[in-house]
Amino acid sequence: MNNSNTQHKRPRPLKQRNVLTRSSRFGPNMTPMVDVTLVILIFFMASASIAGHEWFLRAELPEVQDPDLVSSGFSLPTPMLSADLFLQDAQIFVRGIGDEPRPLEVVIEQIQGMDTVAASGLILGIRAADDVPYWAIVALHDAAASMSMRVAIR
């Protein structure tokens, strides 16, 4: 019996298996990837200093110039006239050009009688009620466009 005990006896005891004592390293080794990334970063930083400073790289951006700006440095917004078209007693009236609402034909004659130079610097905003016929909007637009006004239909 003593002989059988000696055969099964181990020279050292078994290691205890505990989850907390295991190595906390698992997954791929990230150290080589970090090293390569840092080397590439250093390479680009060094090549950027060799390439030159930012002022050396010339960037010509187009300058946006508004034709309405005055060259004196003092500028006012472009004057805008507002024309509201509406129906009253089966007749088309325009409110906004003048003190009181006027018939469409009178407003068209008034626009066509304006000075061409003064009219070319104006914007006419046309707003119409739902029941105003489309031809009335087109007639007012054509009268303003013939005087070189810019027209905005809302």
C-alpha atoms as a PDB file:
ATOM      1  CA  MET A   1       0.000   0.000   0.000  1.00  0.00           C
ATOM      2  CA  ASN A   2       2.764   2.289   0.707  1.00  0.00           C
ATOM      3  CA  ASN A   3       4.131   1.492  -2.670  1.00  0.00           C
ATOM      4  CA  SER A   4       0.943   2.594  -4.441  1.00  0.00           C
ATOM      5  CA  ASN A   5       0.912   5.921  -2.586  1.00  0.00           C
ATOM      6  CA  THR A   6       4.331   6.792  -3.826  1.00  0.00           C
ATOM      7  CA  GLN A   7       3.417   6.124  -7.405  1.00  0.00           C
ATOM      8  CA  HIS A   8       0.545   8.610  -7.371  1.00  0.00           C
ATOM      9  CA  LYS A   9       2.298  11.309  -5.422  1.00  0.00           C
ATOM     10  CA  ARG A  10       3.246  14.326  -7.465  1.00  0.00           C
ATOM     11  CA  PRO A  11       6.551  16.078  -7.056  1.00  0.00           C
ATOM     12  CA  ARG A  12       4.793  19.459  -6.604  1.00  0.00           C
ATOM     13  CA  PRO A  13       1.200  20.283  -5.685  1.00  0.00           C
ATOM     14  CA  LEU A  14      -1.345  21.313  -8.339  1.00  0.00           C
ATOM     15  CA  LYS A  15      -1.741  25.013  -8.984  1.00  0.00           C
ATOM     16  CA  GLN A  16      -5.003  26.487  -7.772  1.00  0.00           C
ATOM     17  CA  ARG A  17      -7.188  27.709 -10.589  1.00  0.00           C
ATOM     18  CA  ASN A  18      -8.750  31.048  -9.799  1.00  0.00           C
ATOM     19  CA  VAL A  19     -10.371  33.429 -12.261  1.00  0.00           C
ATOM     20  CA  LEU A  20      -8.959  36.489 -10.497  1.00  0.00           C
ATOM     21  CA  THR A  21      -5.371  35.255 -10.621  1.00  0.00           C
ATOM     22  CA  ARG A  22      -5.429  34.616 -14.358  1.00  0.00           C
ATOM     23  CA  SER A  23      -3.659  37.021 -16.653  1.00  0.00           C
ATOM     24  CA  SER A  24      -5.820  39.976 -17.669  1.00  0.00           C
ATOM     25  CA  ARG A  25      -4.404  39.976 -21.201  1.00  0.00           C
ATOM     26  CA  PHE A  26      -6.664  38.626 -23.859  1.00  0.00           C
ATOM     27  CA  GLY A  27      -7.220  39.451 -27.505  1.00  0.00           C
ATOM     28  CA  PRO A  28      -4.641  40.632 -30.032  1.00  0.00           C
ATOM     29  CA  ASN A  29      -1.487  42.400 -28.965  1.00  0.00           C
ATOM     30  CA  MET A  30      -1.967  46.098 -29.765  1.00  0.00           C
ATOM     31  CA  THR A  31       1.588  47.234 -29.046  1.00  0.00           C
ATOM     32  CA  PRO A  32       2.974  46.734 -32.588  1.00  0.00           C
ATOM     33  CA  MET A  33       0.032  48.579 -34.128  1.00  0.00           C
ATOM     34  CA  VAL A  34       0.498  51.556 -31.788  1.00  0.00           C
ATOM     35  CA  ASP A  35       4.221  51.611 -32.586  1.00  0.00           C
ATOM     36  CA  VAL A  36       3.578  51.676 -36.329  1.00  0.00           C
ATOM     37  CA  THR A  37       0.952  54.415 -35.925  1.00  0.00           C
ATOM     38  CA  LEU A  38       3.364  56.598 -33.960  1.00  0.00           C
ATOM     39  CA  VAL A  39       6.107  56.086 -36.552  1.00  0.00           C
ATOM     40  CA  ILE A  40       3.714  57.125 -39.334  1.00  0.00           C
ATOM     41  CA  LEU A  41       2.630  60.170 -37.299  1.00  0.00           C
ATOM     42  CA  ILE A  42       6.244  61.242 -36.791  1.00  0.00           C
ATOM     43  CA  PHE A  43       6.923  60.725 -40.500  1.00  0.00           C
ATOM     44  CA  PHE A  44       4.038  62.989 -41.520  1.00  0.00           C
ATOM     45  CA  MET A  45       4.974  65.649 -38.965  1.00  0.00           C
ATOM     46  CA  ALA A  46       8.558  65.710 -40.244  1.00  0.00           C
ATOM     47  CA  SER A  47       7.498  65.805 -43.896  1.00  0.00           C
ATOM     48  CA  ALA A  48       5.062  68.666 -43.173  1.00  0.00           C
ATOM     49  CA  SER A  49       7.862  70.786 -41.757  1.00  0.00           C
ATOM     50  CA  ILE A  50      10.021  70.030 -44.799  1.00  0.00           C
ATOM     51  CA  ALA A  51       7.197  70.821 -47.256  1.00  0.00           C
ATOM     52  CA  GLY A  52       6.845  74.354 -45.962  1.00  0.00           C
ATOM     53  CA  HIS A  53       4.682  76.579 -43.900  1.00  0.00           C
ATOM     54  CA  GLU A  54       1.008  77.207 -44.452  1.00  0.00           C
ATOM     55  CA  TRP A  55       1.558  80.674 -45.879  1.00  0.00           C
ATOM     56  CA  PHE A  56       3.608  79.088 -48.639  1.00  0.00           C
ATOM     57  CA  LEU A  57       0.543  77.217 -49.881  1.00  0.00           C
ATOM     58  CA  ARG A  58      -1.363  79.885 -51.757  1.00  0.00           C
ATOM     59  CA  ALA A  59      -5.125  79.568 -51.850  1.00  0.00           C
ATOM     60  CA  GLU A  60      -6.938  82.068 -54.028  1.00  0.00           C
ATOM     61  CA  LEU A  61     -10.581  82.133 -53.028  1.00  0.00           C
ATOM     62  CA  PRO A  62     -12.894  84.075 -55.307  1.00  0.00           C
ATOM     63  CA  GLU A  63     -14.231  87.250 -53.790  1.00  0.00           C
ATOM     64  CA  VAL A  64     -17.976  87.541 -53.850  1.00  0.00           C
ATOM     65  CA  GLN A  65     -18.988  90.962 -55.039  1.00  0.00           C
ATOM     66  CA  ASP A  66     -22.542  92.171 -54.818  1.00  0.00           C
ATOM     67  CA  PRO A  67     -23.441  94.404 -57.772  1.00  0.00           C
ATOM     68  CA  ASP A  68     -25.711  96.408 -55.461  1.00  0.00           C
ATOM     69  CA  LEU A  69     -22.832  97.577 -53.259  1.00  0.00           C
ATOM     70  CA  VAL A  70     -21.646 101.120 -53.740  1.00  0.00           C
ATOM     71  CA  SER A  71     -17.899 101.555 -54.156  1.00  0.00           C
ATOM     72  CA  SER A  72     -17.810 104.304 -51.520  1.00  0.00           C
ATOM     73  CA  GLY A  73     -17.870 101.744 -48.716  1.00  0.00           C
ATOM     74  CA  PHE A  74     -21.265 102.900 -47.500  1.00  0.00           C
ATOM     75  CA  SER A  75     -23.986 100.649 -48.813  1.00  0.00           C
ATOM     76  CA  LEU A  76     -27.706 100.504 -48.384  1.00  0.00           C
ATOM     77  CA  PRO A  77     -29.882  97.502 -49.090  1.00  0.00           C
ATOM     78  CA  THR A  78     -31.610  97.385 -52.446  1.00  0.00           C
ATOM     79  CA  PRO A  79     -35.020  99.093 -52.209  1.00  0.00           C
ATOM     80  CA  MET A  80     -37.874  96.652 -52.525  1.00  0.00           C
ATOM     81  CA  LEU A  81     -41.416  97.491 -53.533  1.00  0.00           C
ATOM     82  CA  SER A  82     -44.169  95.174 -52.419  1.00  0.00           C
ATOM     83  CA  ALA A  83     -47.252  94.672 -54.588  1.00  0.00           C
ATOM     84  CA  ASP A  84     -50.175  92.701 -53.171  1.00  0.00           C
ATOM     85  CA  LEU A  85     -52.757  91.753 -55.792  1.00  0.00           C
ATOM     86  CA  PHE A  86     -56.331  91.041 -54.713  1.00  0.00           C
ATOM     87  CA  LEU A  87     -59.839  90.927 -56.187  1.00  0.00           C
ATOM     88  CA  GLN A  88     -62.511  93.393 -55.149  1.00  0.00           C
ATOM     89  CA  ASP A  89     -65.842  93.705 -56.939  1.00  0.00           C
ATOM     90  CA  ALA A  90     -64.549  91.536 -59.827  1.00  0.00           C
ATOM     91  CA  GLN A  91     -61.696  93.986 -60.433  1.00  0.00           C
ATOM     92  CA  ILE A  92     -57.976  93.425 -59.739  1.00  0.00           C
ATOM     93  CA  PHE A  93     -56.402  95.888 -57.319  1.00  0.00           C
ATOM     94  CA  VAL A  94     -52.795  96.367 -56.220  1.00  0.00           C
ATOM     95  CA  ARG A  95     -51.931  97.369 -52.666  1.00  0.00           C
ATOM     96  CA  GLY A  96     -48.415  98.512 -51.716  1.00  0.00           C
ATOM     97  CA  ILE A  97     -47.463 100.790 -54.594  1.00  0.00           C
ATOM     98  CA  GLY A  98     -48.942 104.118 -53.557  1.00  0.00           C
ATOM     99  CA  ASP A  99     -50.990 105.099 -50.548  1.00  0.00           C
ATOM    100  CA  GLU A 100     -54.260 103.403 -51.451  1.00  0.00           C
ATOM    101  CA  PRO A 101     -55.113 100.275 -53.434  1.00  0.00           C
ATOM    102  CA  ARG A 102     -55.267 101.022 -57.163  1.00  0.00           C
ATOM    103  CA  PRO A 103     -56.487  99.102 -60.190  1.00  0.00           C
ATOM    104  CA  LEU A 104     -53.897  96.916 -61.930  1.00  0.00           C
ATOM    105  CA  GLU A 105     -53.953  98.975 -65.137  1.00  0.00           C
ATOM    106  CA  VAL A 106     -53.099 102.191 -63.258  1.00  0.00           C
ATOM    107  CA  VAL A 107     -50.174 100.517 -61.476  1.00  0.00           C
ATOM    108  CA  ILE A 108     -48.812  99.116 -64.762  1.00  0.00           C
ATOM    109  CA  GLU A 109     -48.973 102.609 -66.320  1.00  0.00           C
ATOM    110  CA  GLN A 110     -47.246 104.054 -63.248  1.00  0.00           C
ATOM    111  CA  ILE A 111     -44.420 101.481 -63.488  1.00  0.00           C
ATOM    112  CA  GLN A 112     -43.968 102.075 -67.216  1.00  0.00           C
ATOM    113  CA  GLY A 113     -43.781 105.823 -66.583  1.00  0.00           C
ATOM    114  CA  MET A 114     -40.856 105.496 -64.150  1.00  0.00           C
ATOM    115  CA  ASP A 115     -37.312 106.598 -64.926  1.00  0.00           C
ATOM    116  CA  THR A 116     -35.383 103.620 -66.356  1.00  0.00           C
ATOM    117  CA  VAL A 117     -32.240 104.289 -64.306  1.00  0.00           C
ATOM    118  CA  ALA A 118     -34.187 104.599 -61.061  1.00  0.00           C
ATOM    119  CA  ALA A 119     -36.308 101.544 -61.828  1.00  0.00           C
ATOM    120  CA  SER A 120     -33.304  99.340 -62.605  1.00  0.00           C
ATOM    121  CA  GLY A 121     -32.161  99.579 -58.978  1.00  0.00           C
ATOM    122  CA  LEU A 122     -35.456  98.348 -57.530  1.00  0.00           C
ATOM    123  CA  ILE A 123     -36.855  94.951 -56.660  1.00  0.00           C
ATOM    124  CA  LEU A 124     -40.585  94.384 -57.062  1.00  0.00           C
ATOM    125  CA  GLY A 125     -42.063  91.695 -54.813  1.00  0.00           C
ATOM    126  CA  ILE A 126     -45.368  90.413 -56.144  1.00  0.00           C
ATOM    127  CA  ARG A 127     -47.756  88.588 -53.843  1.00  0.00           C
ATOM    128  CA  ALA A 128     -51.204  87.575 -55.069  1.00  0.00           C
ATOM    129  CA  ALA A 129     -54.311  86.252 -53.402  1.00  0.00           C
ATOM    130  CA  ASP A 130     -55.505  82.814 -54.438  1.00  0.00           C
ATOM    131  CA  ASP A 131     -58.398  84.132 -56.526  1.00  0.00           C
ATOM    132  CA  VAL A 132     -56.283  86.525 -58.650  1.00  0.00           C
ATOM    133  CA  PRO A 133     -55.935  85.275 -62.250  1.00  0.00           C
ATOM    134  CA  TYR A 134     -52.473  84.285 -63.395  1.00  0.00           C
ATOM    135  CA  TRP A 135     -52.460  86.689 -66.354  1.00  0.00           C
ATOM    136  CA  ALA A 136     -52.599  89.635 -63.905  1.00  0.00           C
ATOM    137  CA  ILE A 137     -49.419  88.457 -62.172  1.00  0.00           C
ATOM    138  CA  VAL A 138     -47.706  87.988 -65.540  1.00  0.00           C
ATOM    139  CA  ALA A 139     -48.805  91.453 -66.725  1.00  0.00           C
ATOM    140  CA  LEU A 140     -47.355  93.124 -63.618  1.00  0.00           C
ATOM    141  CA  HIS A 141     -44.179  91.050 -63.928  1.00  0.00           C
ATOM    142  CA  ASP A 142     -43.742  92.015 -67.596  1.00  0.00           C
ATOM    143  CA  ALA A 143     -44.250  95.712 -66.849  1.00  0.00           C
ATOM    144  CA  ALA A 144     -41.586  95.633 -64.135  1.00  0.00           C
ATOM    145  CA  ALA A 145     -39.159  93.541 -66.203  1.00  0.00           C
ATOM    146  CA  SER A 146     -39.503  95.926 -69.156  1.00  0.00           C
ATOM    147  CA  MET A 147     -38.178  98.701 -66.877  1.00  0.00           C
ATOM    148  CA  SER A 148     -35.190  96.502 -65.822  1.00  0.00           C
ATOM    149  CA  MET A 149     -36.575  95.887 -62.342  1.00  0.00           C
ATOM    150  CA  ARG A 150     -35.760  92.656 -60.603  1.00  0.00           C
ATOM    151  CA  VAL A 151     -38.969  90.802 -59.806  1.00  0.00           C
ATOM    152  CA  ALA A 152     -39.659  88.354 -56.992  1.00  0.00           C
ATOM    153  CA  ILE A 153     -42.941  86.451 -57.019  1.00  0.00           C
ATOM    154  CA  ARG A 154     -43.978  85.181 -53.608  1.00  0.00           C
END
